[in-house]
C-alpha atoms as a PDB file:
ATOM      1  CA  UNK A   1      -0.046  -0.105   0.017  1.00  0.00           C
ATOM      2  CA  UNK A   2       1.474   3.401  -0.924  1.00  0.00           C
ATOM      3  CA  UNK A   3       2.144   5.977   1.915  1.00  0.00           C
ATOM      4  CA  UNK A   4      -0.127   8.724   2.257  1.00  0.00           C
ATOM      5  CA  UNK A   5       1.242  12.368   2.119  1.00  0.00           C
ATOM      6  CA  UNK A   6      -0.105  14.146   5.037  1.00  0.00           C
ATOM      7  CA  UNK A   7       0.385  18.158   5.662  1.00  0.00           C
ATOM      8  CA  UNK A   8      -0.242  19.428   9.248  1.00  0.00           C
ATOM      9  CA  UNK A   9      -1.149  23.162   9.336  1.00  0.00           C
ATOM     10  CA  UNK A  10      -0.334  24.456  12.895  1.00  0.00           C
ATOM     11  CA  UNK A  11       2.280  21.793  13.280  1.00  0.00           C
ATOM     12  CA  UNK A  12       3.896  23.762  15.964  1.00  0.00           C
ATOM     13  CA  UNK A  13       0.887  24.108  18.243  1.00  0.00           C
ATOM     14  CA  UNK A  14      -0.206  21.830  20.972  1.00  0.00           C
ATOM     15  CA  UNK A  15      -2.485  19.512  19.073  1.00  0.00           C
ATOM     16  CA  UNK A  16      -0.690  19.657  15.769  1.00  0.00           C
ATOM     17  CA  UNK A  17       2.374  18.641  17.229  1.00  0.00           C
ATOM     18  CA  UNK A  18       0.716  15.736  18.952  1.00  0.00           C
ATOM     19  CA  UNK A  19      -0.698  14.468  15.677  1.00  0.00           C
ATOM     20  CA  UNK A  20       2.839  14.972  14.077  1.00  0.00           C
ATOM     21  CA  UNK A  21       4.601  12.494  16.601  1.00  0.00           C
ATOM     22  CA  UNK A  22       1.635  10.114  16.336  1.00  0.00           C
ATOM     23  CA  UNK A  23       2.061   9.832  12.359  1.00  0.00           C
ATOM     24  CA  UNK A  24       5.813   9.547  12.712  1.00  0.00           C
ATOM     25  CA  UNK A  25       5.441   6.449  14.471  1.00  0.00           C
ATOM     26  CA  UNK A  26       4.058   4.817  11.264  1.00  0.00           C
ATOM     27  CA  UNK A  27       6.633   5.660   8.585  1.00  0.00           C
ATOM     28  CA  UNK A  28       5.594   2.960   6.425  1.00  0.00           C
ATOM     29  CA  UNK A  29       2.024   4.321   6.178  1.00  0.00           C
ATOM     30  CA  UNK A  30       2.499   8.094   6.197  1.00  0.00           C
ATOM     31  CA  UNK A  31       4.908  10.639   4.854  1.00  0.00           C
ATOM     32  CA  UNK A  32       4.400  13.654   7.233  1.00  0.00           C
ATOM     33  CA  UNK A  33       4.920  17.438   6.534  1.00  0.00           C
ATOM     34  CA  UNK A  34       4.315  20.263   8.910  1.00  0.00           C
ATOM     35  CA  UNK A  35       3.420  23.985   8.247  1.00  0.00           C
ATOM     36  CA  UNK A  36       3.157  26.949  10.464  1.00  0.00           C
ATOM     37  CA  UNK A  37       3.624  30.657  10.146  1.00  0.00           C
ATOM     38  CA  UNK A  38       6.917  30.429  12.362  1.00  0.00           C
ATOM     39  CA  UNK A  39       9.224  27.498  13.590  1.00  0.00           C
ATOM     40  CA  UNK A  40       8.554  28.484  17.121  1.00  0.00           C
ATOM     41  CA  UNK A  41       6.501  26.064  19.338  1.00  0.00           C
ATOM     42  CA  UNK A  42       3.269  27.296  20.966  1.00  0.00           C
ATOM     43  CA  UNK A  43       3.427  28.606  24.509  1.00  0.00           C
ATOM     44  CA  UNK A  44       0.844  26.135  25.359  1.00  0.00           C
ATOM     45  CA  UNK A  45       3.492  23.215  24.802  1.00  0.00           C
ATOM     46  CA  UNK A  46       5.802  22.261  27.614  1.00  0.00           C
ATOM     47  CA  UNK A  47       9.596  22.203  26.758  1.00  0.00           C
ATOM     48  CA  UNK A  48       9.899  18.541  27.398  1.00  0.00           C
ATOM     49  CA  UNK A  49       7.379  18.117  24.322  1.00  0.00           C
ATOM     50  CA  UNK A  50       8.859  20.358  21.736  1.00  0.00           C
ATOM     51  CA  UNK A  51       9.368  19.042  18.111  1.00  0.00           C
ATOM     52  CA  UNK A  52      11.418  19.964  15.272  1.00  0.00           C
ATOM     53  CA  UNK A  53      10.199  19.248  11.977  1.00  0.00           C
ATOM     54  CA  UNK A  54      13.394  18.429   9.358  1.00  0.00           C
ATOM     55  CA  UNK A  55      13.801  21.611   7.310  1.00  0.00           C
ATOM     56  CA  UNK A  56      12.830  19.572   4.051  1.00  0.00           C
ATOM     57  CA  UNK A  57       9.602  18.615   5.792  1.00  0.00           C
ATOM     58  CA  UNK A  58       8.464  22.142   6.949  1.00  0.00           C
ATOM     59  CA  UNK A  59       6.809  24.905   5.272  1.00  0.00           C
ATOM     60  CA  UNK A  60       6.466  28.462   6.740  1.00  0.00           C
ATOM     61  CA  UNK A  61       3.393  30.163   5.517  1.00  0.00           C
ATOM     62  CA  UNK A  62       0.511  32.073   6.443  1.00  0.00           C
ATOM     63  CA  UNK A  63      -2.988  30.983   6.043  1.00  0.00           C
ATOM     64  CA  UNK A  64      -3.627  34.316   4.095  1.00  0.00           C
ATOM     65  CA  UNK A  65      -1.396  33.412   1.258  1.00  0.00           C
ATOM     66  CA  UNK A  66      -3.812  31.408  -0.873  1.00  0.00           C
ATOM     67  CA  UNK A  67      -1.337  30.857  -3.775  1.00  0.00           C
ATOM     68  CA  UNK A  68       1.455  29.450  -1.491  1.00  0.00           C
ATOM     69  CA  UNK A  69      -1.147  27.117   0.152  1.00  0.00           C
ATOM     70  CA  UNK A  70      -2.239  25.733  -3.139  1.00  0.00           C
ATOM     71  CA  UNK A  71       1.683  25.012  -4.072  1.00  0.00           C
ATOM     72  CA  UNK A  72       2.177  23.372  -0.492  1.00  0.00           C
ATOM     73  CA  UNK A  73      -0.992  21.282  -0.880  1.00  0.00           C
ATOM     74  CA  UNK A  74      -0.143  19.865  -4.256  1.00  0.00           C
ATOM     75  CA  UNK A  75       0.599  16.161  -4.143  1.00  0.00           C
ATOM     76  CA  UNK A  76      -0.866  15.757  -0.707  1.00  0.00           C
ATOM     77  CA  UNK A  77      -3.404  13.256  -0.095  1.00  0.00           C
ATOM     78  CA  UNK A  78      -4.632  14.779   3.418  1.00  0.00           C
ATOM     79  CA  UNK A  79      -4.349  18.028   5.002  1.00  0.00           C
ATOM     80  CA  UNK A  80      -4.872  18.179   8.805  1.00  0.00           C
ATOM     81  CA  UNK A  81      -5.961  21.677   9.582  1.00  0.00           C
ATOM     82  CA  UNK A  82      -4.984  22.576  13.160  1.00  0.00           C
ATOM     83  CA  UNK A  83      -3.696  26.021  12.725  1.00  0.00           C
ATOM     84  CA  UNK A  84      -5.645  29.217  13.923  1.00  0.00           C
ATOM     85  CA  UNK A  85      -6.246  31.074  16.806  1.00  0.00           C
ATOM     86  CA  UNK A  86      -7.206  29.020  19.912  1.00  0.00           C
ATOM     87  CA  UNK A  87      -7.803  31.923  22.385  1.00  0.00           C
ATOM     88  CA  UNK A  88     -11.327  32.037  23.712  1.00  0.00           C
ATOM     89  CA  UNK A  89     -10.849  35.853  24.567  1.00  0.00           C
ATOM     90  CA  UNK A  90      -9.511  36.696  20.943  1.00  0.00           C
ATOM     91  CA  UNK A  91     -10.611  39.668  19.326  1.00  0.00           C
ATOM     92  CA  UNK A  92     -13.244  39.572  16.334  1.00  0.00           C
ATOM     93  CA  UNK A  93     -10.561  40.802  13.934  1.00  0.00           C
ATOM     94  CA  UNK A  94      -8.216  37.937  14.768  1.00  0.00           C
ATOM     95  CA  UNK A  95     -10.925  35.261  14.746  1.00  0.00           C
ATOM     96  CA  UNK A  96     -12.054  36.516  11.340  1.00  0.00           C
ATOM     97  CA  UNK A  97      -8.568  36.501  10.023  1.00  0.00           C
ATOM     98  CA  UNK A  98      -7.223  33.226  11.450  1.00  0.00           C
ATOM     99  CA  UNK A  99     -10.166  31.019  11.944  1.00  0.00           C
ATOM    100  CA  UNK A 100     -12.841  32.154   9.293  1.00  0.00           C
ATOM    101  CA  UNK A 101     -10.800  33.535   6.440  1.00  0.00           C
ATOM    102  CA  UNK A 102      -7.834  31.016   7.160  1.00  0.00           C
ATOM    103  CA  UNK A 103     -10.369  27.954   7.100  1.00  0.00           C
ATOM    104  CA  UNK A 104     -11.760  29.357   3.904  1.00  0.00           C
ATOM    105  CA  UNK A 105      -8.290  29.491   2.394  1.00  0.00           C
ATOM    106  CA  UNK A 106      -7.338  26.099   3.351  1.00  0.00           C
ATOM    107  CA  UNK A 107     -10.456  24.200   1.861  1.00  0.00           C
ATOM    108  CA  UNK A 108     -10.374  26.246  -1.316  1.00  0.00           C
ATOM    109  CA  UNK A 109      -6.572  25.613  -1.698  1.00  0.00           C
ATOM    110  CA  UNK A 110      -7.159  21.861  -0.863  1.00  0.00           C
ATOM    111  CA  UNK A 111      -9.837  21.766  -3.478  1.00  0.00           C
ATOM    112  CA  UNK A 112      -7.714  23.425  -6.164  1.00  0.00           C
ATOM    113  CA  UNK A 113      -4.643  21.405  -5.156  1.00  0.00           C
ATOM    114  CA  UNK A 114      -6.552  18.089  -5.740  1.00  0.00           C
ATOM    115  CA  UNK A 115      -6.375  17.029  -1.889  1.00  0.00           C
ATOM    116  CA  UNK A 116      -8.593  14.389  -1.126  1.00  0.00           C
ATOM    117  CA  UNK A 117      -9.568  14.954   2.520  1.00  0.00           C
ATOM    118  CA  UNK A 118      -9.282  17.619   5.075  1.00  0.00           C
ATOM    119  CA  UNK A 119      -9.541  16.902   8.547  1.00  0.00           C
ATOM    120  CA  UNK A 120     -10.406  20.313  10.520  1.00  0.00           C
ATOM    121  CA  UNK A 121     -10.125  21.294  14.295  1.00  0.00           C
ATOM    122  CA  UNK A 122     -13.221  22.225  15.846  1.00  0.00           C
ATOM    123  CA  UNK A 123     -13.857  22.531  19.406  1.00  0.00           C
ATOM    124  CA  UNK A 124     -16.109  21.179  22.106  1.00  0.00           C
ATOM    125  CA  UNK A 125     -17.206  24.775  22.681  1.00  0.00           C
ATOM    126  CA  UNK A 126     -19.556  24.752  19.802  1.00  0.00           C
ATOM    127  CA  UNK A 127     -21.863  22.837  22.297  1.00  0.00           C
ATOM    128  CA  UNK A 128     -20.976  24.158  25.658  1.00  0.00           C
ATOM    129  CA  UNK A 129     -24.276  26.151  25.669  1.00  0.00           C
ATOM    130  CA  UNK A 130     -25.883  22.788  26.598  1.00  0.00           C
ATOM    131  CA  UNK A 131     -23.566  22.408  29.682  1.00  0.00           C
ATOM    132  CA  UNK A 132     -24.226  25.994  30.718  1.00  0.00           C
ATOM    133  CA  UNK A 133     -28.161  26.188  30.459  1.00  0.00           C
ATOM    134  CA  UNK A 134     -29.641  22.592  29.949  1.00  0.00           C
ATOM    135  CA  UNK A 135     -30.227  19.905  32.692  1.00  0.00           C
ATOM    136  CA  UNK A 136     -28.734  17.548  33.454  1.00  0.00           C
ATOM    137  CA  UNK A 137     -25.608  18.719  31.587  1.00  0.00           C
ATOM    138  CA  UNK A 138     -25.213  22.018  33.455  1.00  0.00           C
ATOM    139  CA  UNK A 139     -24.820  20.164  36.909  1.00  0.00           C
ATOM    140  CA  UNK A 140     -21.443  18.276  35.498  1.00  0.00           C
ATOM    141  CA  UNK A 141     -19.106  21.423  35.150  1.00  0.00           C
ATOM    142  CA  UNK A 142     -19.935  22.490  38.615  1.00  0.00           C
ATOM    143  CA  UNK A 143     -19.563  19.088  40.248  1.00  0.00           C
ATOM    144  CA  UNK A 144     -23.306  18.670  41.320  1.00  0.00           C
ATOM    145  CA  UNK A 145     -23.073  15.019  40.376  1.00  0.00           C
ATOM    146  CA  UNK A 146     -25.734  13.971  42.679  1.00  0.00           C
ATOM    147  CA  UNK A 147     -28.265  15.802  40.284  1.00  0.00           C
ATOM    148  CA  UNK A 148     -27.047  13.918  37.373  1.00  0.00           C
ATOM    149  CA  UNK A 149     -28.924  10.554  36.521  1.00  0.00           C
ATOM    150  CA  UNK A 150     -26.963   7.302  36.109  1.00  0.00           C
ATOM    151  CA  UNK A 151     -27.949   7.554  32.440  1.00  0.00           C
ATOM    152  CA  UNK A 152     -28.813  10.216  30.259  1.00  0.00           C
ATOM    153  CA  UNK A 153     -28.833  11.196  26.497  1.00  0.00           C
ATOM    154  CA  UNK A 154     -25.590  12.652  25.281  1.00  0.00           C
ATOM    155  CA  UNK A 155     -25.418  15.471  22.950  1.00  0.00           C
ATOM    156  CA  UNK A 156     -24.645  14.337  19.563  1.00  0.00           C
ATOM    157  CA  UNK A 157     -22.966  15.892  16.738  1.00  0.00           C
ATOM    158  CA  UNK A 158     -26.449  16.388  14.889  1.00  0.00           C
ATOM    159  CA  UNK A 159     -27.810  18.497  17.728  1.00  0.00           C
ATOM    160  CA  UNK A 160     -27.687  22.177  16.832  1.00  0.00           C
ATOM    161  CA  UNK A 161     -24.525  23.884  17.796  1.00  0.00           C
ATOM    162  CA  UNK A 162     -24.747  26.049  21.147  1.00  0.00           C
ATOM    163  CA  UNK A 163     -21.639  28.303  21.267  1.00  0.00           C
ATOM    164  CA  UNK A 164     -21.462  30.771  23.922  1.00  0.00           C
ATOM    165  CA  UNK A 165     -18.385  32.762  22.541  1.00  0.00           C
ATOM    166  CA  UNK A 166     -17.124  34.437  19.414  1.00  0.00           C
ATOM    167  CA  UNK A 167     -14.173  31.737  19.097  1.00  0.00           C
ATOM    168  CA  UNK A 168     -16.550  28.764  19.135  1.00  0.00           C
ATOM    169  CA  UNK A 169     -18.872  30.540  16.591  1.00  0.00           C
ATOM    170  CA  UNK A 170     -15.867  31.006  14.416  1.00  0.00           C
ATOM    171  CA  UNK A 171     -15.471  27.200  14.669  1.00  0.00           C
ATOM    172  CA  UNK A 172     -19.319  26.704  13.837  1.00  0.00           C
ATOM    173  CA  UNK A 173     -18.720  28.783  10.597  1.00  0.00           C
ATOM    174  CA  UNK A 174     -15.762  26.557   9.719  1.00  0.00           C
ATOM    175  CA  UNK A 175     -17.781  23.271  10.323  1.00  0.00           C
ATOM    176  CA  UNK A 176     -20.579  24.735   7.920  1.00  0.00           C
ATOM    177  CA  UNK A 177     -17.829  25.798   5.452  1.00  0.00           C
ATOM    178  CA  UNK A 178     -16.553  22.100   5.471  1.00  0.00           C
ATOM    179  CA  UNK A 179     -20.042  20.966   4.776  1.00  0.00           C
ATOM    180  CA  UNK A 180     -20.253  23.373   1.720  1.00  0.00           C
ATOM    181  CA  UNK A 181     -16.960  21.968   0.354  1.00  0.00           C
ATOM    182  CA  UNK A 182     -17.858  18.304   0.735  1.00  0.00           C
ATOM    183  CA  UNK A 183     -21.246  18.761  -0.820  1.00  0.00           C
ATOM    184  CA  UNK A 184     -19.855  20.901  -3.788  1.00  0.00           C
ATOM    185  CA  UNK A 185     -16.434  19.150  -4.764  1.00  0.00           C
ATOM    186  CA  UNK A 186     -14.582  16.116  -4.401  1.00  0.00           C
ATOM    187  CA  UNK A 187     -13.174  17.007  -1.100  1.00  0.00           C
ATOM    188  CA  UNK A 188     -13.672  14.850   2.114  1.00  0.00           C
ATOM    189  CA  UNK A 189     -14.047  17.035   5.085  1.00  0.00           C
ATOM    190  CA  UNK A 190     -13.957  15.850   8.619  1.00  0.00           C
ATOM    191  CA  UNK A 191     -14.275  18.077  11.661  1.00  0.00           C
ATOM    192  CA  UNK A 192     -13.140  17.210  15.136  1.00  0.00           C
ATOM    193  CA  UNK A 193     -14.694  18.829  18.140  1.00  0.00           C
ATOM    194  CA  UNK A 194     -11.733  18.659  20.296  1.00  0.00           C
ATOM    195  CA  UNK A 195     -12.156  18.432  23.988  1.00  0.00           C
ATOM    196  CA  UNK A 196      -9.438  19.203  26.792  1.00  0.00           C
ATOM    197  CA  UNK A 197      -6.259  18.357  25.540  1.00  0.00           C
ATOM    198  CA  UNK A 198      -3.336  19.709  27.544  1.00  0.00           C
ATOM    199  CA  UNK A 199       0.449  19.656  27.644  1.00  0.00           C
ATOM    200  CA  UNK A 200       1.793  16.713  29.595  1.00  0.00           C
ATOM    201  CA  UNK A 201      -1.913  15.355  29.694  1.00  0.00           C
ATOM    202  CA  UNK A 202      -2.541  17.420  32.867  1.00  0.00           C
ATOM    203  CA  UNK A 203      -6.077  18.430  33.337  1.00  0.00           C
ATOM    204  CA  UNK A 204      -8.007  20.320  35.934  1.00  0.00           C
ATOM    205  CA  UNK A 205     -10.905  18.613  37.846  1.00  0.00           C
ATOM    206  CA  UNK A 206     -13.730  20.658  36.369  1.00  0.00           C
ATOM    207  CA  UNK A 207     -12.522  19.743  32.663  1.00  0.00           C
ATOM    208  CA  UNK A 208     -12.230  16.114  33.453  1.00  0.00           C
ATOM    209  CA  UNK A 209     -15.533  15.053  31.787  1.00  0.00           C
ATOM    210  CA  UNK A 210     -14.180  16.524  28.508  1.00  0.00           C
ATOM    211  CA  UNK A 211     -10.536  15.497  28.879  1.00  0.00           C
ATOM    212  CA  UNK A 212      -9.059  13.973  25.779  1.00  0.00           C
ATOM    213  CA  UNK A 213      -5.513  12.363  26.111  1.00  0.00           C
ATOM    214  CA  UNK A 214      -2.940  12.955  23.861  1.00  0.00           C
ATOM    215  CA  UNK A 215      -2.737   9.443  23.012  1.00  0.00           C
ATOM    216  CA  UNK A 216      -6.524   9.555  22.019  1.00  0.00           C
ATOM    217  CA  UNK A 217      -6.598  12.762  19.960  1.00  0.00           C
ATOM    218  CA  UNK A 218      -3.827  11.517  17.947  1.00  0.00           C
ATOM    219  CA  UNK A 219      -5.630   8.170  17.450  1.00  0.00           C
ATOM    220  CA  UNK A 220      -8.926   9.861  16.547  1.00  0.00           C
ATOM    221  CA  UNK A 221      -6.961  12.009  13.761  1.00  0.00           C
ATOM    222  CA  UNK A 222      -5.351   9.012  12.373  1.00  0.00           C
ATOM    223  CA  UNK A 223      -8.634   7.159  12.401  1.00  0.00           C
ATOM    224  CA  UNK A 224     -10.076  10.002  10.202  1.00  0.00           C
ATOM    225  CA  UNK A 225      -7.114  10.171   7.941  1.00  0.00           C
ATOM    226  CA  UNK A 226      -7.525   6.373   7.285  1.00  0.00           C
ATOM    227  CA  UNK A 227     -11.269   6.676   7.030  1.00  0.00           C
ATOM    228  CA  UNK A 228     -12.665   5.169   3.817  1.00  0.00           C
ATOM    229  CA  UNK A 229     -12.781   7.308   0.768  1.00  0.00           C
ATOM    230  CA  UNK A 230     -16.516   7.157   0.760  1.00  0.00           C
ATOM    231  CA  UNK A 231     -16.881   9.098   4.019  1.00  0.00           C
ATOM    232  CA  UNK A 232     -17.563  12.533   2.491  1.00  0.00           C
ATOM    233  CA  UNK A 233     -18.435  14.652   5.527  1.00  0.00           C
ATOM    234  CA  UNK A 234     -18.686  14.004   9.283  1.00  0.00           C
ATOM    235  CA  UNK A 235     -18.255  15.572  12.899  1.00  0.00           C
ATOM    236  CA  UNK A 236     -16.716  13.853  15.742  1.00  0.00           C
ATOM    237  CA  UNK A 237     -16.376  14.792  19.380  1.00  0.00           C
ATOM    238  CA  UNK A 238     -12.788  14.159  20.463  1.00  0.00           C
ATOM    239  CA  UNK A 239     -12.646  12.952  24.017  1.00  0.00           C
ATOM    240  CA  UNK A 240     -11.442  10.070  26.166  1.00  0.00           C
ATOM    241  CA  UNK A 241     -13.770   7.751  28.141  1.00  0.00           C
ATOM    242  CA  UNK A 242     -14.431   9.874  30.918  1.00  0.00           C
ATOM    243  CA  UNK A 243     -16.922   9.468  33.658  1.00  0.00           C
ATOM    244  CA  UNK A 244     -19.830  12.187  33.145  1.00  0.00           C
ATOM    245  CA  UNK A 245     -18.670  12.491  29.534  1.00  0.00           C
ATOM    246  CA  UNK A 246     -21.831  14.443  28.172  1.00  0.00           C
ATOM    247  CA  UNK A 247     -20.825  14.647  24.448  1.00  0.00           C
ATOM    248  CA  UNK A 248     -21.546  11.252  22.299  1.00  0.00           C
ATOM    249  CA  UNK A 249     -18.343   9.668  20.964  1.00  0.00           C
ATOM    250  CA  UNK A 250     -20.187   6.622  19.893  1.00  0.00           C
ATOM    251  CA  UNK A 251     -20.540   7.673  16.360  1.00  0.00           C
ATOM    252  CA  UNK A 252     -16.706   8.030  15.923  1.00  0.00           C
ATOM    253  CA  UNK A 253     -16.461   4.468  16.857  1.00  0.00           C
ATOM    254  CA  UNK A 254     -19.004   3.456  14.381  1.00  0.00           C
ATOM    255  CA  UNK A 255     -17.981   5.440  11.625  1.00  0.00           C
ATOM    256  CA  UNK A 256     -14.136   5.420  11.912  1.00  0.00           C
ATOM    257  CA  UNK A 257     -13.347   3.060  14.436  1.00  0.00           C
ATOM    258  CA  UNK A 258     -12.109   5.263  17.175  1.00  0.00           C
ATOM    259  CA  UNK A 259     -12.196   3.645  20.637  1.00  0.00           C
ATOM    260  CA  UNK A 260     -10.587   5.865  23.137  1.00  0.00           C
ATOM    261  CA  UNK A 261      -7.837   3.971  25.238  1.00  0.00           C
ATOM    262  CA  UNK A 262      -7.684   6.562  28.031  1.00  0.00           C
ATOM    263  CA  UNK A 263      -9.953   8.153  30.652  1.00  0.00           C
ATOM    264  CA  UNK A 264      -9.762  11.126  33.180  1.00  0.00           C
ATOM    265  CA  UNK A 265      -7.781  10.233  36.349  1.00  0.00           C
ATOM    266  CA  UNK A 266     -11.007  11.976  38.223  1.00  0.00           C
END
């Protein structure tokens, strides 16, 4: 079987670097490239987890440069798009430039370059309105577990998004844009609503239901890369098998074979 050529945008960010390291473990299956606007690791990554992409496998580019993106994407089977502004308090101008316009440029460049699939970073925050306002989900973040029934219906990716900040709203737009491209071109688009991924796999107790280990987010991304060509579009929550997990991760197992190996320590 021929190797798949993979380019990861935002490779020096937290999740991008985790996926990069994951794919490097299968050199027989993947030829991995990285792209970022600089060669400096994100402040979210501990020094012990720094990576260095070889010069012949790293491309420095801004998401605003459509022509360069097209050239970089040519010959790639899959683009794993992890670049963008992850700051929940980012200004509208920054979110517009980096997340909304940047997402459009990546998808349009991928289509023009003949890429088969784009795996895009979304966020669990597109659904956190449920955990803020709706029973029984709203009792989980505040630790009122005595009010949470033993069984309840989890929030599915087919339920309406409910973002509560502009950052999450920008990701809802990108999910919608991915659906447009998957419907109007040959491009396959898979969106990952990523949970609480942290450097050194540490996580505060209040985020434990949404925890996603580095191992599991890497595995989920790999499952999406290897999904059948017939999968044109889907959205998956990216979490580990945590207690009081309120988003539904069962469809990721059913569609792409993702079964989390880890769970929160709380």
